[in-house]
Amino acid sequence: MNEKQSEEMKTLKAEKNKLREEELVLKAEKAKIEQQVKSGCMSG
């Protein structure tokens, strides 16, 4: 593997990790909202 390919691989891995982190954040937000909706419906 040459230098350029190696750099591209690093970049792709970094972007993939970033996407995975964002996905986890979104899932956590969604879970939080679902909890709020559930507790809101029950108290209402």
Protein backbone atom coordinates (compact mmCIF):
# COMPACT_ATOMS: atom_id res chain seq x y z
CA MET A 1 0.00 0.00 0.00
CA ASN A 2 1.40 3.40 -0.94
CA GLU A 3 1.38 6.64 1.05
CA LYS A 4 -1.73 8.09 -0.61
CA GLN A 5 -3.82 4.96 -0.07
CA SER A 6 -2.68 4.81 3.54
CA GLU A 7 -3.82 8.39 4.12
CA GLU A 8 -7.18 7.72 2.48
CA MET A 9 -7.69 4.67 4.69
CA LYS A 10 -6.99 6.76 7.80
CA THR A 11 -9.46 9.39 6.66
CA LEU A 12 -12.17 6.82 5.93
CA LYS A 13 -11.69 5.16 9.31
CA ALA A 14 -11.89 8.50 11.09
CA GLU A 15 -15.11 9.41 9.24
CA LYS A 16 -16.59 6.00 10.01
CA ASN A 17 -15.82 6.43 13.71
CA LYS A 18 -17.37 9.89 13.67
CA LEU A 19 -20.53 8.56 12.06
CA ARG A 20 -20.74 5.77 14.62
CA GLU A 21 -20.45 8.30 17.46
CA GLU A 22 -23.14 10.49 15.92
CA GLU A 23 -25.39 7.46 15.52
CA LEU A 24 -24.97 6.60 19.21
CA VAL A 25 -25.80 10.18 20.19
CA LEU A 26 -28.93 10.10 18.02
CA LYS A 27 -30.02 6.77 19.51
CA ALA A 28 -29.56 8.17 23.01
CA GLU A 29 -31.58 11.28 22.12
CA LYS A 30 -34.33 9.15 20.62
CA ALA A 31 -34.48 6.93 23.71
CA LYS A 32 -34.68 10.01 25.92
CA ILE A 33 -37.54 11.46 23.87
CA GLU A 34 -39.38 8.13 23.88
CA GLN A 35 -39.08 8.01 27.68
CA GLN A 36 -40.46 11.55 27.94
CA VAL A 37 -43.36 10.66 25.65
CA LYS A 38 -44.15 7.52 27.65
CA SER A 39 -44.04 9.28 31.01
CA GLY A 40 -45.97 12.21 29.56
CA CYS A 41 -48.75 9.95 28.29
CA MET A 42 -49.03 8.15 31.60
CA SER A 43 -49.22 11.29 33.71
CA GLY A 44 -51.71 12.85 31.31
